[in-house]
C-alpha atoms as a PDB file:
ATOM      1  CA  MET A   1       7.414 -16.136   9.172  1.00  0.00           C
ATOM      2  CA  THR A   2       4.530 -14.366   8.503  1.00  0.00           C
ATOM      3  CA  LYS A   3       1.320 -13.121  10.856  1.00  0.00           C
ATOM      4  CA  THR A   4      -2.362 -13.538   9.602  1.00  0.00           C
ATOM      5  CA  ALA A   5      -4.484 -10.654  10.264  1.00  0.00           C
ATOM      6  CA  THR A   6      -8.272 -10.261  10.449  1.00  0.00           C
ATOM      7  CA  ILE A   7     -10.272  -6.775   9.838  1.00  0.00           C
ATOM      8  CA  THR A   8     -14.002  -7.219   9.989  1.00  0.00           C
ATOM      9  CA  TYR A   9     -16.030  -5.994   7.857  1.00  0.00           C
ATOM     10  CA  PRO A  10     -20.132  -5.585   7.024  1.00  0.00           C
ATOM     11  CA  GLU A  11     -21.715  -8.074   4.996  1.00  0.00           C
ATOM     12  CA  GLU A  12     -22.879  -5.475   2.383  1.00  0.00           C
ATOM     13  CA  LEU A  13     -19.623  -4.189   2.088  1.00  0.00           C
ATOM     14  CA  ALA A  14     -18.469  -6.163  -0.766  1.00  0.00           C
ATOM     15  CA  GLU A  15     -21.575  -5.394  -2.888  1.00  0.00           C
ATOM     16  CA  SER A  16     -21.709  -2.211  -1.931  1.00  0.00           C
ATOM     17  CA  LEU A  17     -18.125  -1.270  -3.985  1.00  0.00           C
ATOM     18  CA  GLY A  18     -19.100  -3.950  -6.621  1.00  0.00           C
ATOM     19  CA  LEU A  19     -16.452  -6.617  -5.354  1.00  0.00           C
ATOM     20  CA  SER A  20     -15.428  -9.803  -4.424  1.00  0.00           C
ATOM     21  CA  ASP A  21     -14.634 -10.694  -0.719  1.00  0.00           C
ATOM     22  CA  GLU A  22     -11.545 -11.553  -2.591  1.00  0.00           C
ATOM     23  CA  GLN A  23     -10.677  -7.822  -3.796  1.00  0.00           C
ATOM     24  CA  VAL A  24     -12.818  -6.415  -0.729  1.00  0.00           C
ATOM     25  CA  GLN A  25      -9.910  -8.004   1.504  1.00  0.00           C
ATOM     26  CA  ARG A  26      -6.453  -7.193  -0.869  1.00  0.00           C
ATOM     27  CA  GLU A  27      -8.006  -3.454  -1.394  1.00  0.00           C
ATOM     28  CA  LEU A  28      -7.878  -3.350   2.940  1.00  0.00           C
ATOM     29  CA  GLY A  29      -4.700  -5.095   2.321  1.00  0.00           C
ATOM     30  CA  PHE A  30      -3.235  -2.025   0.360  1.00  0.00           C
ATOM     31  CA  MET A  31      -4.864   0.540   2.077  1.00  0.00           C
ATOM     32  CA  ALA A  32      -3.524  -0.122   5.041  1.00  0.00           C
ATOM     33  CA  ALA A  33       0.230  -0.586   3.265  1.00  0.00           C
ATOM     34  CA  ALA A  34      -0.867   2.293   1.641  1.00  0.00           C
ATOM     35  CA  LYS A  35      -1.442   4.304   5.432  1.00  0.00           C
ATOM     36  CA  LEU A  36       1.714   3.042   7.503  1.00  0.00           C
ATOM     37  CA  TYR A  37       3.168   3.979   4.696  1.00  0.00           C
ATOM     38  CA  GLU A  38       2.216   7.386   4.273  1.00  0.00           C
ATOM     39  CA  LEU A  39       3.099   7.667   7.692  1.00  0.00           C
ATOM     40  CA  GLY A  40       6.781   7.135   7.603  1.00  0.00           C
ATOM     41  CA  ARG A  41       5.936   3.335   9.983  1.00  0.00           C
ATOM     42  CA  VAL A  42       7.156   0.777   6.878  1.00  0.00           C
ATOM     43  CA  SER A  43       9.511   0.888   4.272  1.00  0.00           C
ATOM     44  CA  ALA A  44       7.866   0.761   0.373  1.00  0.00           C
ATOM     45  CA  SER A  45       9.254  -3.278   0.011  1.00  0.00           C
ATOM     46  CA  GLN A  46       8.175  -3.474   3.794  1.00  0.00           C
ATOM     47  CA  ALA A  47       4.421  -1.859   2.944  1.00  0.00           C
ATOM     48  CA  ALA A  48       4.338  -3.383  -0.330  1.00  0.00           C
ATOM     49  CA  GLU A  49       5.111  -7.412   1.114  1.00  0.00           C
ATOM     50  CA  ILE A  50       2.030  -6.329   3.132  1.00  0.00           C
ATOM     51  CA  ALA A  51      -0.267  -5.457   0.804  1.00  0.00           C
ATOM     52  CA  GLY A  52       1.030  -8.974  -1.124  1.00  0.00           C
ATOM     53  CA  LEU A  53       2.314  -7.072  -4.359  1.00  0.00           C
ATOM     54  CA  SER A  54       6.335  -6.141  -5.694  1.00  0.00           C
ATOM     55  CA  ARG A  55       7.454  -2.879  -4.968  1.00  0.00           C
ATOM     56  CA  LEU A  56       7.256  -1.915  -7.842  1.00  0.00           C
ATOM     57  CA  ALA A  57       3.319  -2.777  -8.159  1.00  0.00           C
ATOM     58  CA  PHE A  58       3.302  -0.980  -5.131  1.00  0.00           C
ATOM     59  CA  LEU A  59       4.872   1.870  -5.960  1.00  0.00           C
ATOM     60  CA  ARG A  60       2.856   2.052  -8.885  1.00  0.00           C
ATOM     61  CA  ARG A  61      -0.442   1.859  -7.232  1.00  0.00           C
ATOM     62  CA  LEU A  62      -0.064   4.345  -4.914  1.00  0.00           C
ATOM     63  CA  ALA A  63      -0.519   7.431  -7.134  1.00  0.00           C
ATOM     64  CA  VAL A  64      -4.804   6.082  -7.016  1.00  0.00           C
ATOM     65  CA  THR A  65      -5.100   6.826  -3.761  1.00  0.00           C
ATOM     66  CA  GLY A  66      -3.371   9.756  -3.492  1.00  0.00           C
ATOM     67  CA  VAL A  67      -0.185   8.586  -0.864  1.00  0.00           C
ATOM     68  CA  PRO A  68       3.588  10.385  -3.290  1.00  0.00           C
ATOM     69  CA  ALA A  69       5.387   7.033  -3.730  1.00  0.00           C
ATOM     70  CA  ILE A  70       8.509   8.916  -2.721  1.00  0.00           C
ATOM     71  CA  ASN A  71       8.103   9.706   1.208  1.00  0.00           C
ATOM     72  CA  LEU A  72      10.696  12.046   2.359  1.00  0.00           C
ATOM     73  CA  TYR A  73      10.515  14.353   5.264  1.00  0.00           C
ATOM     74  CA  GLY A  74      12.064  17.924   6.531  1.00  0.00           C
ATOM     75  CA  SER A  75      16.149  17.825   6.417  1.00  0.00           C
ATOM     76  CA  GLU A  76      14.925  14.174   4.036  1.00  0.00           C
ATOM     77  CA  ALA A  77      14.050  16.476   1.326  1.00  0.00           C
ATOM     78  CA  GLU A  78      16.642  18.906   1.776  1.00  0.00           C
ATOM     79  CA  ALA A  79      19.339  16.568   1.558  1.00  0.00           C
ATOM     80  CA  GLU A  80      18.032  14.785  -1.234  1.00  0.00           C
ATOM     81  CA  VAL A  81      17.659  18.126  -3.192  1.00  0.00           C
ATOM     82  CA  GLU A  82      20.936  19.181  -2.033  1.00  0.00           C
ATOM     83  CA  ALA A  83      22.200  15.944  -4.078  1.00  0.00           C
ATOM     84  CA  ALA A  84      20.525  16.479  -7.187  1.00  0.00           C
ATOM     85  CA  ARG A  85      21.786  20.415  -7.060  1.00  0.00           C
ATOM     86  CA  ASP A  86      25.493  18.558  -6.520  1.00  0.00           C
ATOM     87  CA  LEU A  87      24.900  16.557  -9.180  1.00  0.00           C
ATOM     88  CA  ALA A  88      23.597  18.111 -11.951  1.00  0.00           C
ATOM     89  CA  GLY A  89      26.865  20.965 -10.922  1.00  0.00           C
END
């Protein structure tokens, strides 16, 4: 089951961005998903679903926004580095 959220924006926004209304709607959905992912509130798969993209397409598009595709914090990052060291031998 899915739900729909409505975002109100100024009528001139699409023109000022050089986008169609449909493109603005997609962009706003992607940016919301990217921010939720960046904050660790949703997984990459959940964010991709919100953005209406495949997981891989979502992760690739994050580069445009400056949001890291790998979202690890503190001990998670340390654990990943340690696991990589163990694998390297």
